[in-house]
Amino acid sequence: MSKRIFIEGSTKNELSIIAANDNRVEFFDFSINQAKSKKNNIYLCTVSRVEPSLQAAFVDFGFEKKAFLPFDEIHPSYFKIPTADKEISTTNNELNGDLDDEKANKKNFLEFYRKYKIQDVIKKDQVLLIQIIKEERGSKGAAVSTFISLPGRFCVLLTNNSASGGVSKKINNQNDRKKLKNIHEKLNLPEGMSLIIRTNAVGAHSKDIENDFQYLKKLWTEIRNETLKSKAPKLIYELDSPLIKVIRDLYNDSYSEILVSELDTYKEFKKIEKKFMNSHKSRIKHYKEKKFFLESHGIKNPINNLLNTYVYLKSGSYLVINPTEALTAIDINSGKSTSQKNIEITALNTNLEASEEIYKQIILRNIAGLIVIDFIDMVSNSNNFKVEKKMRTLFQNDKSRVQINKISKFGLMEISRQRVGQSIYEIFYNECDCCKGNGYHKTNNIIYFEIISILRKIITIPDIKKIDLKIDDMFLKENDKEIKIRLKSVMPKTIKLNYIKEKQFQKIYEFSEDIIEKISKNNNIIEEKTIVSKENDNEKSYRRKIKKKTN
């Protein structure tokens, strides 16, 4: 089998990255220059607001939305506290510089932060060097940290955090862990820094790991120098460009070649390769033929298929994938899959087949957050366990952090997956102007009801002689007769209803702000009269009771 990476397009416009095993697509990434990912980028920023109630700060890093900076993500070196206290913090951090001592590190870390309040140690307009740890989504701004980490091919350099480091916990093999720990101990780490050896380092030569570490040290020096001569807010360094991620996170010895369609992308990619893999023989090739870049290698561009709600399986069953703001729901339907006489065996085989496709779709679409899978119901607990085991085995290869729950009595499995970059829906879709993303629009009857309800309020306002109703021209054209019959039934002859035709995407209809304001004032007057009337009634009732008692 031949494994290859295909890079089509340019970083200046659209760039498509596909990793394929023979003609089977195993990885897909698509980026648009105008919508670049900010994740892991390093910025020089200023504190725009300190929020004591949240124990967090909001920082200006050059974009409209301010970023969210929790107190425990601020390095003590930024605190306005005595130098001696900062030194104590550094000493405590250095006592347990290994991932295996994570609980002790966390305890020391939290104890130090409990001594202070953010409003006492961080001030408005203070300049900080931050890294984006979570991108902005919807109305939420980005989440950031002052603990800067620089990922390489085999290592992650924690530039100002000596409380962590060692070998990644994802590496379970004890022989691999021992070998990598020995390599880690021989590296000459600068004071105040720590290093995590990544899973990619398993099987790598010690010299390659050391070269990666030296590259990250040099990169940190460049970042510091750039920071010292910069004025906030400013982008200091872009760590996660699509081409960097290919070299750092995707490319390994199992790939026979990387084919690049555009010459400018090829040249840029070669420069990045030289930084990360200077000692390796290059496998990057420029594909000079202008036509059929993917097709000539038997690869189909997966974009169209990945946007489909329905995904059909070989057995005849299919998946239904529905992303929402809260979660992504994946439903499994048996469809035409009825080859087995036993219903339980059919359900098990369909669920196992679906598990592989679900994993593939989650990776290719980059679905993250909460994922709920509705498996076909199975009676046997052992069959449920087989499906759970299959899912856990598949997600062992996922670079994102994943939590997989057991199948519930309702046949539902919950998966929580770390959000890394944008999903395919965020890249390719904009929110619908008509339904604002909920997938529904109001029926004609409810629109008639709403308009009539507002008209009934308007006609109670004194001195109203004309009402302007802005209404969608297409809606009026299609329902002209019905609308006029219904509205005429509530309108007095003394008031004229004037239809103003215009494009109304979401609301379909609209009354003027002046009219809405008059309705509000009129409602207030009516409410006040009602209250006065009730008070008068209560007073009369009270007087009648007193009169009865005296008699």
Protein backbone atom coordinates (compact mmCIF):
# COMPACT_ATOMS: atom_id res chain seq x y z
CA MET A 1 0.00 0.00 0.00
CA SER A 2 1.20 3.48 -0.89
CA LYS A 3 0.62 6.36 1.53
CA ARG A 4 0.87 9.88 0.11
CA ILE A 5 0.00 13.44 1.01
CA PHE A 6 -1.55 15.74 -1.62
CA ILE A 7 -1.40 19.53 -1.23
CA GLU A 8 -3.54 21.45 -3.71
CA GLY A 9 -3.86 25.23 -3.98
CA SER A 10 -2.01 28.17 -2.45
CA THR A 11 -1.64 29.56 1.08
CA LYS A 12 -2.62 32.96 -0.38
CA ASN A 13 -6.09 31.66 -1.29
CA GLU A 14 -7.52 28.18 -0.66
CA LEU A 15 -5.37 25.22 0.38
CA SER A 16 -6.55 21.61 0.41
CA ILE A 17 -4.53 18.89 2.18
CA ILE A 18 -5.38 15.21 1.71
CA ALA A 19 -3.58 12.19 3.19
CA ALA A 20 -4.46 8.98 1.38
CA ASN A 21 -3.67 5.30 1.77
CA ASP A 22 -3.80 4.08 -1.85
CA ASN A 23 -7.04 5.79 -2.97
CA ARG A 24 -8.67 5.86 0.48
CA VAL A 25 -8.74 9.33 2.09
CA GLU A 26 -7.62 9.19 5.75
CA PHE A 27 -7.14 12.90 6.48
CA PHE A 28 -8.59 16.08 5.02
CA ASP A 29 -7.94 19.73 5.82
CA PHE A 30 -9.12 22.81 3.98
CA SER A 31 -8.10 26.35 4.82
CA ILE A 32 -9.04 29.75 3.41
CA ASN A 33 -6.61 32.62 3.79
CA GLN A 34 -9.38 35.02 4.87
CA ALA A 35 -10.44 32.63 7.65
CA LYS A 36 -7.09 31.56 9.09
CA SER A 37 -6.99 29.65 12.35
CA LYS A 38 -5.57 31.62 15.28
CA LYS A 39 -5.05 28.55 17.50
CA ASN A 40 -1.56 28.44 19.10
CA ASN A 41 -0.60 31.82 17.62
CA ILE A 42 1.41 34.10 19.92
CA TYR A 43 0.34 37.75 20.37
CA LEU A 44 1.50 40.75 22.34
CA CYS A 45 -1.62 42.17 24.01
CA THR A 46 -2.85 44.66 26.59
CA VAL A 47 -5.28 44.08 29.47
CA SER A 48 -8.49 45.92 28.54
CA ARG A 49 -10.52 44.90 31.60
CA VAL A 50 -10.00 43.02 34.88
CA GLU A 51 -13.15 41.21 36.02
CA PRO A 52 -13.01 40.35 39.78
CA SER A 53 -16.33 38.44 39.70
CA LEU A 54 -14.90 35.98 37.14
CA GLN A 55 -11.32 36.12 38.45
CA ALA A 56 -10.27 36.70 34.85
CA ALA A 57 -9.13 39.45 32.51
CA PHE A 58 -10.18 40.45 29.00
CA VAL A 59 -7.29 41.31 26.71
CA ASP A 60 -7.00 43.22 23.43
CA PHE A 61 -4.87 41.29 20.92
CA GLY A 62 -5.84 43.25 17.81
CA PHE A 63 -9.29 41.86 16.98
CA GLU A 64 -12.83 43.10 17.57
CA LYS A 65 -13.66 40.50 20.23
CA LYS A 66 -11.56 40.64 23.37
CA ALA A 67 -9.91 37.39 24.48
CA PHE A 68 -10.66 35.71 27.82
CA LEU A 69 -7.69 35.17 30.17
CA PRO A 70 -8.42 33.17 33.38
CA PHE A 71 -6.38 34.07 36.46
CA ASP A 72 -4.71 30.65 36.66
CA GLU A 73 -3.47 31.08 33.07
CA ILE A 74 -1.39 34.14 34.03
CA HIS A 75 2.27 33.43 34.81
CA PRO A 76 3.37 34.78 38.24
CA SER A 77 6.13 36.82 36.56
CA TYR A 78 3.36 39.25 35.47
CA PHE A 79 2.04 39.67 39.02
CA LYS A 80 2.57 42.99 40.76
CA ILE A 81 3.92 41.25 43.89
CA PRO A 82 7.25 41.18 45.78
CA THR A 83 10.08 39.45 43.90
CA ALA A 84 10.57 37.02 46.81
CA ASP A 85 7.02 35.62 46.32
CA LYS A 86 7.71 35.08 42.60
CA GLU A 87 10.89 33.17 43.47
CA ILE A 88 8.96 30.92 45.90
CA SER A 89 6.50 30.14 43.08
CA THR A 90 9.35 29.20 40.72
CA THR A 91 10.99 26.99 43.37
CA ASN A 92 7.73 25.12 44.03
CA ASN A 93 7.31 24.53 40.30
CA GLU A 94 10.77 23.07 39.90
CA LEU A 95 10.35 20.54 42.73
CA ASN A 96 8.19 18.24 40.60
CA GLY A 97 9.21 18.62 36.97
CA ASP A 98 7.72 15.44 35.57
CA LEU A 99 4.38 14.44 34.08
CA ASP A 100 4.22 11.45 36.43
CA ASP A 101 3.99 13.90 39.38
CA GLU A 102 1.08 15.82 37.85
CA LYS A 103 -1.14 15.71 40.98
CA ALA A 104 1.58 17.18 43.19
CA ASN A 105 2.31 19.87 40.59
CA LYS A 106 -1.36 20.83 40.35
CA LYS A 107 -1.68 21.04 44.15
CA ASN A 108 1.33 23.40 44.44
CA PHE A 109 0.02 25.43 41.51
CA LEU A 110 -3.45 25.95 43.00
CA GLU A 111 -2.11 26.73 46.49
CA PHE A 112 -0.01 29.58 45.07
CA TYR A 113 -2.93 31.11 43.12
CA ARG A 114 -5.26 30.97 46.15
CA LYS A 115 -3.05 33.54 47.90
CA TYR A 116 -3.99 36.32 45.48
CA LYS A 117 -6.92 37.96 43.70
CA ILE A 118 -6.58 39.01 40.07
CA GLN A 119 -7.64 42.61 40.77
CA ASP A 120 -4.71 42.97 43.21
CA VAL A 121 -1.93 41.68 40.95
CA ILE A 122 -3.00 42.48 37.34
CA LYS A 123 -3.75 46.01 36.16
CA LYS A 124 -5.57 47.57 33.19
CA ASP A 125 -3.34 48.36 30.15
CA GLN A 126 -0.66 45.92 31.39
CA VAL A 127 1.21 44.32 28.45
CA LEU A 128 1.24 40.49 28.26
CA LEU A 129 2.57 37.88 25.84
CA ILE A 130 -0.25 35.40 25.21
CA GLN A 131 -1.00 32.25 23.23
CA ILE A 132 -4.43 31.33 21.84
CA ILE A 133 -5.53 28.05 23.45
CA LYS A 134 -9.15 28.07 22.24
CA GLU A 135 -10.50 29.90 19.19
CA GLU A 136 -13.49 32.22 19.29
CA ARG A 137 -16.84 30.59 18.52
CA GLY A 138 -20.11 32.40 18.00
CA SER A 139 -20.45 35.16 20.58
CA LYS A 140 -17.58 33.83 22.70
CA GLY A 141 -14.13 35.35 22.31
CA ALA A 142 -10.89 33.36 22.20
CA ALA A 143 -9.44 31.82 25.38
CA VAL A 144 -5.75 32.59 25.95
CA SER A 145 -2.85 31.78 28.26
CA THR A 146 0.47 33.38 29.19
CA PHE A 147 2.03 29.91 29.59
CA ILE A 148 3.59 29.65 26.13
CA SER A 149 4.16 26.20 24.60
CA LEU A 150 5.98 25.58 21.32
CA PRO A 151 5.12 22.29 19.59
CA GLY A 152 7.70 20.57 17.39
CA ARG A 153 7.70 17.23 15.56
CA PHE A 154 8.86 15.22 18.58
CA CYS A 155 8.76 17.68 21.51
CA VAL A 156 6.71 20.44 23.07
CA LEU A 157 8.78 23.16 24.75
CA LEU A 158 7.05 24.78 27.74
CA THR A 159 8.91 28.07 27.71
CA ASN A 160 7.87 29.50 31.09
CA ASN A 161 6.55 26.48 32.96
CA SER A 162 8.99 24.22 34.79
CA ALA A 163 6.18 22.44 36.70
CA SER A 164 5.54 19.95 33.91
CA GLY A 165 7.54 17.93 31.43
CA GLY A 166 8.70 14.40 30.73
CA VAL A 167 7.18 11.80 28.42
CA SER A 168 3.62 12.04 27.07
CA LYS A 169 1.11 9.98 29.07
CA LYS A 170 -0.31 8.68 25.78
CA ILE A 171 2.80 6.51 25.40
CA ASN A 172 1.83 3.31 27.27
CA ASN A 173 4.69 0.97 26.32
CA GLN A 174 7.10 0.91 29.28
CA ASN A 175 10.18 0.21 27.13
CA ASP A 176 9.39 3.22 24.93
CA ARG A 177 8.80 5.38 28.01
CA LYS A 178 12.12 4.32 29.57
CA LYS A 179 14.06 4.99 26.37
CA LEU A 180 12.47 8.43 25.89
CA LYS A 181 12.98 9.37 29.56
CA ASN A 182 16.69 8.65 29.16
CA ILE A 183 16.80 10.92 26.09
CA HIS A 184 14.87 13.60 28.02
CA GLU A 185 17.32 13.54 30.94
CA LYS A 186 20.29 14.10 28.62
CA LEU A 187 18.80 17.27 27.11
CA ASN A 188 20.20 20.47 28.57
CA LEU A 189 17.02 22.36 29.49
CA PRO A 190 17.32 26.09 30.24
CA GLU A 191 16.22 27.24 33.71
CA GLY A 192 12.47 27.83 34.06
CA MET A 193 11.59 25.67 31.04
CA SER A 194 10.36 22.10 30.65
CA LEU A 195 9.92 19.71 27.74
CA ILE A 196 7.29 17.11 26.86
CA ILE A 197 8.28 14.34 24.46
CA ARG A 198 5.37 13.63 22.07
CA THR A 199 3.98 10.30 20.87
CA ASN A 200 5.57 11.02 17.45
CA ALA A 201 8.95 10.43 19.12
CA VAL A 202 8.31 6.68 19.54
CA GLY A 203 10.81 4.99 17.22
CA ALA A 204 12.59 8.26 16.39
CA HIS A 205 16.38 8.57 16.64
CA SER A 206 17.69 10.41 19.71
CA LYS A 207 19.57 12.82 17.42
CA ASP A 208 16.31 13.81 15.69
CA ILE A 209 14.64 14.48 19.05
CA GLU A 210 17.61 16.59 20.16
CA ASN A 211 17.57 18.55 16.86
CA ASP A 212 13.87 19.23 17.35
CA PHE A 213 14.56 20.52 20.88
CA GLN A 214 17.36 22.80 19.61
CA TYR A 215 15.05 24.17 16.90
CA LEU A 216 12.37 25.02 19.52
CA LYS A 217 14.95 26.77 21.74
CA LYS A 218 16.09 28.85 18.78
CA LEU A 219 12.47 29.63 17.88
CA TRP A 220 11.77 30.86 21.43
CA THR A 221 14.78 33.20 21.22
CA GLU A 222 13.39 34.62 17.95
CA ILE A 223 9.95 35.12 19.54
CA ARG A 224 11.46 36.92 22.55
CA ASN A 225 13.53 39.22 20.33
CA GLU A 226 10.48 40.04 18.20
CA THR A 227 8.43 40.73 21.36
CA LEU A 228 10.99 43.18 22.77
CA LYS A 229 10.87 45.39 19.67
CA SER A 230 7.06 45.23 19.18
CA LYS A 231 4.16 47.36 20.37
CA ALA A 232 0.90 45.77 21.54
CA PRO A 233 -1.42 44.62 20.12
CA LYS A 234 0.52 42.59 17.54
CA LEU A 235 0.85 39.07 16.13
CA ILE A 236 4.31 37.88 17.17
CA TYR A 237 4.42 34.39 15.65
CA GLU A 238 2.07 32.11 13.71
CA LEU A 239 2.60 28.55 14.94
CA ASP A 240 -0.20 26.65 13.24
CA SER A 241 -0.13 27.45 9.53
CA PRO A 242 -1.54 24.54 7.45
CA LEU A 243 1.88 23.67 5.97
CA ILE A 244 3.61 23.70 9.38
CA LYS A 245 0.95 21.32 10.72
CA VAL A 246 1.58 18.88 7.84
CA ILE A 247 5.30 18.63 8.64
CA ARG A 248 4.87 18.71 12.42
CA ASP A 249 1.78 16.57 13.03
CA LEU A 250 1.04 14.50 9.92
CA TYR A 251 4.15 13.64 7.95
CA ASN A 252 6.16 10.58 9.03
CA ASP A 253 8.19 7.72 7.53
CA SER A 254 5.05 5.81 6.51
CA TYR A 255 4.39 8.34 3.70
CA SER A 256 6.28 7.68 0.49
CA GLU A 257 5.91 11.21 -0.92
CA ILE A 258 4.21 14.60 -0.65
CA LEU A 259 2.87 15.98 -3.93
CA VAL A 260 2.30 19.75 -4.22
CA SER A 261 0.30 21.26 -7.09
CA GLU A 262 1.41 24.94 -6.98
CA LEU A 263 5.01 26.13 -7.35
CA ASP A 264 4.78 28.92 -4.73
CA THR A 265 3.32 26.47 -2.18
CA TYR A 266 6.08 23.96 -3.03
CA LYS A 267 8.82 26.56 -2.39
CA GLU A 268 7.24 27.67 0.90
CA PHE A 269 6.84 24.05 2.00
CA LYS A 270 10.50 23.27 1.25
CA LYS A 271 11.58 26.15 3.54
CA ILE A 272 9.45 24.79 6.39
CA GLU A 273 10.79 21.27 5.82
CA LYS A 274 14.36 22.58 6.09
CA LYS A 275 13.61 24.05 9.53
CA PHE A 276 11.99 20.91 10.94
CA MET A 277 13.74 18.09 9.03
CA ASN A 278 17.11 19.39 7.88
CA SER A 279 18.86 16.01 8.14
CA HIS A 280 16.20 14.03 6.21
CA LYS A 281 16.05 13.23 2.53
CA SER A 282 13.19 15.25 1.09
CA ARG A 283 10.12 13.45 -0.26
CA ILE A 284 8.35 16.63 -1.36
CA LYS A 285 7.69 16.81 -5.10
CA HIS A 286 6.19 19.50 -7.30
CA TYR A 287 3.44 18.05 -9.54
CA LYS A 288 4.01 19.94 -12.79
CA GLU A 289 0.96 18.66 -14.67
CA LYS A 290 -1.75 21.33 -14.45
CA LYS A 291 -4.76 19.02 -14.92
CA PHE A 292 -6.31 16.25 -12.82
CA PHE A 293 -4.00 16.59 -9.81
CA LEU A 294 -6.03 14.24 -7.59
CA GLU A 295 -7.88 12.27 -10.28
CA SER A 296 -4.65 11.08 -11.94
CA HIS A 297 -3.77 9.33 -8.65
CA GLY A 298 -7.21 7.78 -8.18
CA ILE A 299 -8.23 10.21 -5.42
CA LYS A 300 -11.65 11.86 -5.26
CA ASN A 301 -11.86 15.25 -3.57
CA PRO A 302 -13.98 14.49 -0.46
CA ILE A 303 -15.48 17.98 -0.03
CA ASN A 304 -18.91 17.23 -1.55
CA ASN A 305 -19.34 13.93 0.33
CA LEU A 306 -18.28 15.48 3.63
CA LEU A 307 -21.04 18.07 3.39
CA ASN A 308 -23.75 15.40 3.03
CA THR A 309 -26.09 14.75 5.96
CA TYR A 310 -26.48 11.10 4.91
CA VAL A 311 -23.51 8.70 4.72
CA TYR A 312 -24.27 5.30 3.16
CA LEU A 313 -22.45 2.12 4.20
CA LYS A 314 -21.67 -0.98 2.12
CA SER A 315 -24.24 -3.13 3.95
CA GLY A 316 -27.10 -0.79 2.97
CA SER A 317 -27.34 0.92 6.35
CA TYR A 318 -26.61 4.64 6.67
CA LEU A 319 -25.63 7.41 9.08
CA VAL A 320 -27.45 10.70 9.61
CA ILE A 321 -25.09 13.44 10.86
CA ASN A 322 -26.69 16.57 12.30
CA PRO A 323 -24.48 19.30 13.81
CA THR A 324 -26.10 21.77 16.23
CA GLU A 325 -24.70 24.51 18.45
CA ALA A 326 -24.86 22.30 21.57
CA LEU A 327 -23.73 18.96 20.12
CA THR A 328 -23.42 16.79 17.01
CA ALA A 329 -25.99 14.00 16.74
CA ILE A 330 -25.18 10.87 14.71
CA ASP A 331 -28.01 8.42 14.08
CA ILE A 332 -27.51 4.90 12.71
CA ASN A 333 -30.26 3.40 10.55
CA SER A 334 -30.23 -0.21 9.37
CA GLY A 335 -31.81 0.76 6.02
CA LYS A 336 -31.51 -2.20 3.64
CA SER A 337 -29.09 -4.05 5.94
CA THR A 338 -31.13 -7.21 6.68
CA SER A 339 -28.74 -9.95 5.56
CA GLN A 340 -28.80 -11.74 8.94
CA LYS A 341 -31.85 -13.69 10.11
CA ASN A 342 -31.12 -12.85 13.75
CA ILE A 343 -32.07 -9.23 14.59
CA GLU A 344 -29.44 -9.00 17.36
CA ILE A 345 -26.62 -10.12 15.02
CA THR A 346 -27.82 -7.65 12.35
CA ALA A 347 -27.79 -4.85 14.93
CA LEU A 348 -24.29 -5.78 16.15
CA ASN A 349 -22.79 -6.04 12.66
CA THR A 350 -24.42 -2.76 11.57
CA ASN A 351 -23.17 -0.96 14.70
CA LEU A 352 -19.61 -2.30 14.24
CA GLU A 353 -19.58 -1.27 10.56
CA ALA A 354 -21.01 2.13 11.48
CA SER A 355 -18.36 2.61 14.19
CA GLU A 356 -15.56 2.63 11.60
CA GLU A 357 -17.39 5.10 9.37
CA ILE A 358 -18.30 7.33 12.34
CA TYR A 359 -14.63 7.54 13.37
CA LYS A 360 -13.64 8.35 9.78
CA GLN A 361 -16.32 11.07 9.46
CA ILE A 362 -15.42 12.65 12.83
CA ILE A 363 -11.75 12.89 11.78
CA LEU A 364 -12.41 14.11 8.23
CA ARG A 365 -15.08 16.64 9.26
CA ASN A 366 -13.11 17.58 12.41
CA ILE A 367 -16.23 17.26 14.56
CA ALA A 368 -15.51 18.26 18.16
CA GLY A 369 -17.24 19.07 21.43
CA LEU A 370 -20.08 16.78 22.52
CA ILE A 371 -20.97 14.00 20.06
CA VAL A 372 -24.01 11.78 20.73
CA ILE A 373 -24.31 8.54 18.74
CA ASP A 374 -27.65 6.72 18.59
CA PHE A 375 -26.71 3.08 17.98
CA ILE A 376 -29.25 0.45 16.94
CA ASP A 377 -30.61 -1.11 20.15
CA MET A 378 -28.99 -4.38 21.24
CA VAL A 379 -30.29 -6.65 24.02
CA SER A 380 -26.97 -8.27 24.95
CA ASN A 381 -24.59 -6.32 27.21
CA SER A 382 -21.66 -8.21 25.68
CA ASN A 383 -22.60 -6.85 22.24
CA ASN A 384 -22.72 -3.32 23.64
CA PHE A 385 -19.27 -3.93 25.11
CA LYS A 386 -17.94 -5.05 21.69
CA VAL A 387 -19.10 -1.78 20.11
CA GLU A 388 -17.64 0.28 22.99
CA LYS A 389 -14.30 -1.55 22.66
CA LYS A 390 -14.30 -0.98 18.89
CA MET A 391 -14.84 2.78 19.35
CA ARG A 392 -12.07 3.06 21.97
CA THR A 393 -9.65 1.13 19.73
CA LEU A 394 -10.41 3.41 16.77
CA PHE A 395 -9.93 6.64 18.76
CA GLN A 396 -6.54 5.53 20.13
CA ASN A 397 -5.01 7.02 16.96
CA ASP A 398 -6.78 10.38 17.39
CA LYS A 399 -4.43 13.25 18.27
CA SER A 400 -7.23 15.16 20.02
CA ARG A 401 -8.16 14.37 23.63
CA VAL A 402 -11.22 12.11 23.64
CA GLN A 403 -13.54 10.78 26.35
CA ILE A 404 -15.87 7.91 25.43
CA ASN A 405 -18.80 6.91 27.67
CA LYS A 406 -20.54 3.54 27.75
CA ILE A 407 -23.67 2.92 25.70
CA SER A 408 -26.66 3.90 27.84
CA LYS A 409 -29.87 1.88 28.26
CA PHE A 410 -31.33 4.08 25.51
CA GLY A 411 -28.62 2.99 23.04
CA LEU A 412 -26.81 6.35 23.20
CA MET A 413 -23.04 6.84 23.41
CA GLU A 414 -21.61 10.21 24.43
CA ILE A 415 -18.18 11.24 23.16
CA SER A 416 -16.37 14.41 24.18
CA ARG A 417 -13.65 15.43 21.71
CA GLN A 418 -11.16 18.28 22.08
CA ARG A 419 -11.74 21.13 19.66
CA VAL A 420 -8.64 21.64 17.48
CA GLY A 421 -9.14 24.06 14.61
CA GLN A 422 -12.39 24.60 12.72
CA SER A 423 -14.86 21.93 11.70
CA ILE A 424 -15.82 21.53 8.07
CA TYR A 425 -19.19 23.17 8.84
CA GLU A 426 -17.51 26.32 10.19
CA ILE A 427 -15.28 26.54 7.09
CA PHE A 428 -17.91 25.92 4.40
CA TYR A 429 -21.17 27.24 5.85
CA ASN A 430 -22.58 30.64 6.80
CA GLU A 431 -25.61 31.05 9.03
CA CYS A 432 -28.89 31.17 7.08
CA ASP A 433 -30.43 34.67 6.94
CA CYS A 434 -33.96 33.25 7.06
CA CYS A 435 -33.81 30.75 9.95
CA LYS A 436 -30.65 32.00 11.75
CA GLY A 437 -29.25 28.48 11.77
CA ASN A 438 -32.14 26.61 13.41
CA GLY A 439 -33.26 24.90 10.19
CA TYR A 440 -36.93 25.97 10.44
CA HIS A 441 -39.14 28.84 9.30
CA LYS A 442 -42.55 29.92 10.58
CA THR A 443 -45.72 28.58 8.98
CA ASN A 444 -48.08 30.97 7.20
CA ASN A 445 -50.73 30.55 9.91
CA ILE A 446 -48.43 31.66 12.73
CA ILE A 447 -47.32 34.68 10.66
CA TYR A 448 -50.98 35.68 10.11
CA PHE A 449 -51.65 35.20 13.84
CA GLU A 450 -48.67 37.39 14.86
CA ILE A 451 -49.64 40.23 12.47
CA ILE A 452 -53.29 40.16 13.62
CA SER A 453 -52.19 40.13 17.28
CA ILE A 454 -50.09 43.29 16.76
CA LEU A 455 -52.83 44.99 14.71
CA ARG A 456 -55.32 44.44 17.55
CA LYS A 457 -52.96 46.31 19.87
CA ILE A 458 -52.39 49.12 17.35
CA ILE A 459 -56.07 49.87 16.79
CA THR A 460 -56.51 50.57 20.52
CA ILE A 461 -54.08 53.50 20.25
CA PRO A 462 -55.92 56.85 20.01
CA ASP A 463 -55.71 58.92 16.79
CA ILE A 464 -54.27 56.13 14.60
CA LYS A 465 -55.50 56.62 11.01
CA LYS A 466 -52.88 54.75 8.94
CA ILE A 467 -50.70 51.70 9.60
CA ASP A 468 -47.62 50.87 7.49
CA LEU A 469 -46.88 47.14 7.27
CA LYS A 470 -43.56 46.16 5.68
CA ILE A 471 -43.97 42.69 4.24
CA ASP A 472 -41.81 40.37 2.15
CA ASP A 473 -42.76 40.83 -1.51
CA MET A 474 -42.58 37.10 -2.35
CA PHE A 475 -44.67 36.15 0.69
CA LEU A 476 -47.31 38.76 -0.21
CA LYS A 477 -47.36 37.66 -3.85
CA GLU A 478 -47.88 33.99 -2.92
CA ASN A 479 -50.47 34.64 -0.17
CA ASP A 480 -52.03 37.95 -1.26
CA LYS A 481 -55.69 36.88 -1.14
CA GLU A 482 -55.46 35.02 2.19
CA ILE A 483 -53.55 37.85 3.93
CA LYS A 484 -55.99 40.57 2.86
CA ILE A 485 -59.07 38.53 3.86
CA ARG A 486 -57.67 37.75 7.32
CA LEU A 487 -56.37 41.23 8.09
CA LYS A 488 -59.49 42.95 6.79
CA SER A 489 -61.55 41.05 9.37
CA VAL A 490 -59.82 42.85 12.29
CA MET A 491 -59.28 46.30 10.77
CA PRO A 492 -61.80 49.11 11.45
CA LYS A 493 -62.94 51.05 8.37
CA THR A 494 -61.53 54.27 9.86
CA ILE A 495 -57.92 52.98 9.76
CA LYS A 496 -56.07 52.38 6.50
CA LEU A 497 -53.57 49.47 6.26
CA ASN A 498 -50.74 50.29 3.85
CA TYR A 499 -48.66 47.35 2.50
CA ILE A 500 -44.98 48.16 1.80
CA LYS A 501 -43.34 45.44 -0.29
CA GLU A 502 -39.64 44.75 0.37
CA LYS A 503 -37.21 41.89 1.01
CA GLN A 504 -37.71 40.54 4.55
CA PHE A 505 -35.59 37.42 5.07
CA GLN A 506 -36.15 36.38 8.66
CA LYS A 507 -39.12 38.37 9.98
CA ILE A 508 -41.29 38.24 6.80
CA TYR A 509 -43.11 41.31 8.18
CA GLU A 510 -42.20 44.42 10.18
CA PHE A 511 -44.00 47.38 11.74
CA SER A 512 -42.29 50.76 12.17
CA GLU A 513 -40.36 51.45 15.39
CA ASP A 514 -42.65 54.41 16.03
CA ILE A 515 -45.73 52.17 16.06
CA ILE A 516 -44.05 49.57 18.31
CA GLU A 517 -43.09 52.34 20.75
CA LYS A 518 -46.69 53.63 20.80
CA ILE A 519 -47.93 50.08 21.52
CA SER A 520 -45.54 49.86 24.46
CA LYS A 521 -46.67 53.23 25.89
CA ASN A 522 -50.33 52.33 25.37
CA ASN A 523 -49.81 48.99 27.15
CA ASN A 524 -48.24 50.81 30.10
CA ILE A 525 -51.21 53.19 30.31
CA ILE A 526 -53.66 50.26 30.19
CA GLU A 527 -51.67 48.39 32.89
CA GLU A 528 -51.65 51.48 35.14
CA LYS A 529 -55.42 51.91 34.71
CA THR A 530 -55.92 48.21 35.51
CA ILE A 531 -53.84 48.52 38.70
CA VAL A 532 -55.75 51.65 39.81
CA SER A 533 -59.05 49.92 39.04
CA LYS A 534 -58.06 46.87 41.12
CA GLU A 535 -56.96 49.09 44.00
CA ASN A 536 -60.31 50.92 43.89
CA ASP A 537 -62.18 47.61 43.82
CA ASN A 538 -60.15 46.34 46.80
CA GLU A 539 -60.85 49.54 48.73
CA LYS A 540 -64.60 49.30 48.04
CA SER A 541 -64.58 45.65 49.11
CA TYR A 542 -62.75 46.56 52.33
CA ARG A 543 -65.28 49.33 53.12
CA ARG A 544 -68.20 46.94 52.58
CA LYS A 545 -66.65 44.46 55.03
CA ILE A 546 -66.11 47.19 57.66
CA LYS A 547 -69.69 48.38 57.19
CA LYS A 548 -71.05 44.85 57.70
CA LYS A 549 -69.05 44.44 60.92
CA THR A 550 -70.25 47.76 62.37
CA ASN A 551 -73.85 46.87 61.58
